[in-house]
Protein backbone atom coordinates (compact mmCIF):
# COMPACT_ATOMS: atom_id res chain seq x y z
CA MET A 1 112.44 83.15 63.38
CA SER A 2 111.33 87.09 64.19
CA ARG A 3 113.29 88.51 66.68
CA ARG A 4 111.23 89.19 70.08
CA LYS A 5 110.22 92.76 70.60
CA LYS A 6 112.01 94.34 73.43
CA ILE A 7 112.38 98.49 74.10
CA THR A 8 115.99 99.47 76.31
CA ILE A 9 116.14 102.61 78.38
CA LYS A 10 118.68 103.88 79.04
CA ALA A 11 118.60 104.24 83.48
CA LYS A 12 120.61 107.64 83.76
CA ASP A 13 116.83 109.01 82.66
CA THR A 14 115.11 107.07 85.32
CA SER A 15 114.16 108.88 88.83
CA VAL A 16 115.71 105.44 90.26
CA TYR A 17 119.58 106.03 88.20
CA ARG A 18 121.18 106.53 91.67
CA LEU A 19 119.67 103.63 93.68
CA ILE A 20 120.60 101.61 91.03
CA VAL A 21 124.25 103.10 90.67
CA SER A 22 124.20 102.74 94.41
CA GLU A 23 123.26 99.04 94.80
CA LEU A 24 125.65 98.26 91.71
CA SER A 25 128.47 100.63 92.74
CA LYS A 26 128.47 97.67 95.58
CA ASN A 27 129.34 94.41 94.13
CA PRO A 28 133.18 94.60 93.33
CA GLU A 29 132.92 92.99 90.00
CA LEU A 30 131.67 96.15 88.51
CA ALA A 31 134.25 98.77 90.27
CA ASP A 32 135.84 99.12 86.48
CA TYR A 33 133.14 99.42 85.02
CA ASP A 34 130.92 102.87 83.48
CA MET A 35 128.02 103.30 85.27
CA SER A 36 126.90 106.25 83.25
CA SER A 37 126.12 103.18 80.30
CA ILE A 38 123.33 101.17 82.10
CA GLU A 39 120.77 100.20 80.29
CA ILE A 40 117.32 98.40 81.25
CA ILE A 41 116.03 95.73 78.62
CA ILE A 42 112.81 95.53 78.84
CA LYS A 43 111.55 92.41 76.33
CA LYS A 44 108.17 91.43 75.32
CA LYS A 45 105.74 88.78 77.05
CA ILE A 46 105.51 86.05 74.24
CA GLU A 47 102.82 83.17 74.67
CA PRO A 48 104.44 80.30 73.03
CA THR A 49 102.12 78.12 70.62
CA ILE A 50 102.12 76.36 67.76
CA LYS A 51 101.77 78.46 64.16
CA ASP A 52 99.87 76.38 62.24
CA ALA A 53 98.93 72.18 63.26
CA ASP A 54 96.74 71.86 60.93
CA LYS A 55 99.55 72.36 58.58
CA ALA A 56 101.74 69.88 61.06
CA ILE A 57 99.15 67.63 61.75
CA SER A 58 98.89 67.33 57.74
CA ASN A 59 102.23 66.83 57.14
CA LEU A 60 103.02 64.10 59.51
CA GLN A 61 99.72 62.42 58.15
CA GLN A 62 100.65 62.46 54.58
CA TYR A 63 104.82 61.58 55.36
CA TYR A 64 103.32 58.40 57.53
CA ALA A 65 101.02 57.37 54.36
CA ALA A 66 104.43 57.39 51.91
CA ASN A 67 106.63 55.94 54.43
CA LYS A 68 105.09 53.99 57.10
CA GLN A 69 106.27 50.41 55.85
CA PHE A 70 109.91 52.19 56.57
CA ILE A 71 109.00 52.92 60.35
CA GLN A 72 110.13 50.47 62.98
CA THR A 73 108.41 48.85 65.37
CA PHE A 74 108.90 47.96 68.54
CA ASN A 75 106.66 45.58 70.99
CA GLY A 76 103.74 45.79 68.40
CA LYS A 77 104.24 49.99 68.20
CA GLN A 78 105.35 52.04 65.36
CA LEU A 79 107.90 54.75 67.08
CA ILE A 80 110.06 56.86 65.67
CA SER A 81 113.15 59.17 66.91
CA LYS A 82 112.88 63.46 68.00
CA LYS A 83 114.90 63.69 64.77
CA ASP A 84 112.06 61.71 62.51
CA LEU A 85 108.92 63.39 64.32
CA ALA A 86 110.68 67.22 63.67
CA LYS A 87 111.29 65.80 59.93
CA MET A 88 108.10 64.43 59.50
CA LEU A 89 106.18 67.62 60.92
CA ARG A 90 108.61 69.28 58.86
CA VAL A 91 109.81 71.53 61.71
CA SER A 92 113.16 72.17 63.05
CA ARG A 93 114.37 69.62 66.09
CA PRO A 94 114.86 73.03 68.25
CA THR A 95 110.98 73.54 67.59
CA VAL A 96 110.56 70.11 68.44
CA ASP A 97 112.54 70.69 71.59
CA LYS A 98 110.29 73.92 72.77
CA TRP A 99 106.94 71.61 71.72
CA LEU A 100 108.43 68.81 74.20
CA GLU A 101 109.47 71.90 77.20
CA HIS A 102 105.76 73.53 76.18
CA GLY A 103 103.93 70.58 76.81
CA PHE A 104 102.33 70.74 73.64
CA ILE A 105 103.53 67.33 72.77
CA LYS A 106 104.36 64.30 74.60
CA PRO A 107 106.81 61.84 73.58
CA SER A 108 105.85 58.31 74.52
CA ARG A 109 106.38 56.21 77.93
CA ILE A 110 107.60 52.62 76.28
CA ALA A 111 109.01 50.33 78.79
CA GLY A 112 112.81 49.28 77.42
CA THR A 113 113.74 52.30 75.26
CA SER A 114 115.78 54.45 76.97
CA PHE A 115 115.30 57.76 74.15
CA ASP A 116 111.81 60.42 74.29
CA CYS A 117 110.36 58.31 71.22
CA PHE A 118 106.77 59.14 69.95
CA GLN A 119 103.89 57.29 67.92
CA ILE A 120 102.64 59.48 65.50
CA ASP A 121 98.53 58.69 65.98
CA GLU A 122 99.32 60.11 70.26
CA VAL A 123 100.72 63.02 68.27
CA ILE A 124 97.71 63.98 65.89
CA GLU A 125 96.13 63.75 68.82
CA GLN A 126 98.17 65.81 71.49
CA LEU A 127 98.73 68.44 67.82
CA ARG A 128 94.60 68.55 67.35
CA LYS A 129 94.24 69.18 71.37
CA GLN A 130 96.79 71.91 70.36
CA LYS A 131 93.96 73.81 68.01
CA GLN A 132 91.14 73.88 70.77
């Protein structure tokens, strides 16, 4: 994963340095800290995206075609876990977590299940919507 772009500015190079020091000096926790070392870090804002939704869809479809007989069925629906979804998409589990966090994909709400589960056709449809 590439690092986010960031810029570091020394606070003493700004016109508000004295104001920053004055404000931070009021905090007793910072009494033993060197105020001349204050830095301001600015991170570039990056909009979350799915880099290659087509590839993810293709990976999911290929895995399903080759292994559909091994996917468990519950109430007539084939359901997979987050771990299995990551494996099928060929992405990491944290990537699936980020996709969930940003709303790119959503788990299926199936009565009687206590964990996030996914239906392959729903995930494919959700990924197709992300391409648009």
